Amino acid sequence: MHAGPFSAAEQSWIDVHPVVRFSIHEKYAPYLTESNKHKSAGPFKALLSKIEECTRQQYVPV
């Protein structure tokens, strides 16, 4: 899956930033990891995975 079309400015930013580092408040960090009960990705991780598919970028928590 690849979303688009992106504007020229958006695509330029995406091309220059193949890896996006972000911070998240510690109380929300568990939403980035798998649930032990359900073995499914946390909701933030699932969303970031979809964005990665669309933009072909990598999102890395710091």
C-alpha atoms as a PDB file:
ATOM      1  CA  MET A   1       0.000   0.000   0.000  1.00  0.00           C
ATOM      2  CA  HIS A   2       1.335   3.403  -0.932  1.00  0.00           C
ATOM      3  CA  ALA A   3      -0.694   6.526  -0.276  1.00  0.00           C
ATOM      4  CA  GLY A   4      -0.602   9.522  -2.443  1.00  0.00           C
ATOM      5  CA  PRO A   5      -0.392  11.562  -4.285  1.00  0.00           C
ATOM      6  CA  PHE A   6       1.643  13.727  -1.965  1.00  0.00           C
ATOM      7  CA  SER A   7       2.273  17.319  -2.884  1.00  0.00           C
ATOM      8  CA  ALA A   8       5.763  18.145  -4.175  1.00  0.00           C
ATOM      9  CA  ALA A   9       6.634  19.727  -0.812  1.00  0.00           C
ATOM     10  CA  GLU A  10       5.359  16.714   1.142  1.00  0.00           C
ATOM     11  CA  GLN A  11       7.204  14.245  -1.077  1.00  0.00           C
ATOM     12  CA  SER A  12      10.380  16.305  -0.790  1.00  0.00           C
ATOM     13  CA  TRP A  13      10.135  16.221   3.019  1.00  0.00           C
ATOM     14  CA  ILE A  14       9.483  12.474   2.976  1.00  0.00           C
ATOM     15  CA  ASP A  15      12.474  11.891   0.690  1.00  0.00           C
ATOM     16  CA  VAL A  16      14.790  13.933   2.927  1.00  0.00           C
ATOM     17  CA  HIS A  17      13.532  12.207   6.110  1.00  0.00           C
ATOM     18  CA  PRO A  18      13.541   8.425   5.535  1.00  0.00           C
ATOM     19  CA  VAL A  19      13.790   7.913   9.313  1.00  0.00           C
ATOM     20  CA  VAL A  20      11.566   9.947  11.635  1.00  0.00           C
ATOM     21  CA  ARG A  21      12.561   9.950  15.291  1.00  0.00           C
ATOM     22  CA  PHE A  22       9.870  10.902  17.767  1.00  0.00           C
ATOM     23  CA  SER A  23       9.298  11.015  21.483  1.00  0.00           C
ATOM     24  CA  ILE A  24       6.249   9.849  23.355  1.00  0.00           C
ATOM     25  CA  HIS A  25       5.206  10.498  26.927  1.00  0.00           C
ATOM     26  CA  GLU A  26       6.101   7.548  29.142  1.00  0.00           C
ATOM     27  CA  LYS A  27       2.478   6.940  30.115  1.00  0.00           C
ATOM     28  CA  TYR A  28       1.638   6.254  26.445  1.00  0.00           C
ATOM     29  CA  ALA A  29       4.716   4.115  25.715  1.00  0.00           C
ATOM     30  CA  PRO A  30       2.841   0.832  26.360  1.00  0.00           C
ATOM     31  CA  TYR A  31       0.636   1.622  23.344  1.00  0.00           C
ATOM     32  CA  LEU A  32       3.703   1.156  21.119  1.00  0.00           C
ATOM     33  CA  THR A  33       4.290  -2.437  22.193  1.00  0.00           C
ATOM     34  CA  GLU A  34       2.508  -5.749  21.787  1.00  0.00           C
ATOM     35  CA  SER A  35      -0.222  -6.670  24.194  1.00  0.00           C
ATOM     36  CA  ASN A  36       0.762  -9.760  26.171  1.00  0.00           C
ATOM     37  CA  LYS A  37      -2.862 -10.885  26.325  1.00  0.00           C
ATOM     38  CA  HIS A  38      -3.758 -10.547  22.648  1.00  0.00           C
ATOM     39  CA  LYS A  39      -0.355 -10.694  20.906  1.00  0.00           C
ATOM     40  CA  SER A  40      -1.378  -7.787  18.711  1.00  0.00           C
ATOM     41  CA  ALA A  41       0.416  -4.529  18.087  1.00  0.00           C
ATOM     42  CA  GLY A  42      -0.482  -1.589  20.292  1.00  0.00           C
ATOM     43  CA  PRO A  43      -2.726   1.016  18.642  1.00  0.00           C
ATOM     44  CA  PHE A  44       0.090   3.560  18.153  1.00  0.00           C
ATOM     45  CA  LYS A  45       2.357   0.891  16.654  1.00  0.00           C
ATOM     46  CA  ALA A  46      -0.405  -0.219  14.308  1.00  0.00           C
ATOM     47  CA  LEU A  47      -0.989   3.365  13.170  1.00  0.00           C
ATOM     48  CA  LEU A  48       2.726   3.994  12.679  1.00  0.00           C
ATOM     49  CA  SER A  49       3.005   0.776  10.670  1.00  0.00           C
ATOM     50  CA  LYS A  50       0.289   1.993   8.296  1.00  0.00           C
ATOM     51  CA  ILE A  51       2.007   5.378   7.945  1.00  0.00           C
ATOM     52  CA  GLU A  52       5.302   3.587   7.245  1.00  0.00           C
ATOM     53  CA  GLU A  53       3.589   1.571   4.503  1.00  0.00           C
ATOM     54  CA  CYS A  54       2.210   4.728   2.921  1.00  0.00           C
ATOM     55  CA  THR A  55       5.315   6.897   3.119  1.00  0.00           C
ATOM     56  CA  ARG A  56       8.009   4.210   3.082  1.00  0.00           C
ATOM     57  CA  GLN A  57       9.579   5.943   6.069  1.00  0.00           C
ATOM     58  CA  GLN A  58      10.671   4.405   9.353  1.00  0.00           C
ATOM     59  CA  TYR A  59       9.326   5.827  12.633  1.00  0.00           C
ATOM     60  CA  VAL A  60      11.634   5.298  15.617  1.00  0.00           C
ATOM     61  CA  PRO A  61      10.790   6.226  19.220  1.00  0.00           C
ATOM     62  CA  VAL A  62      13.650   7.859  21.115  1.00  0.00           C
END
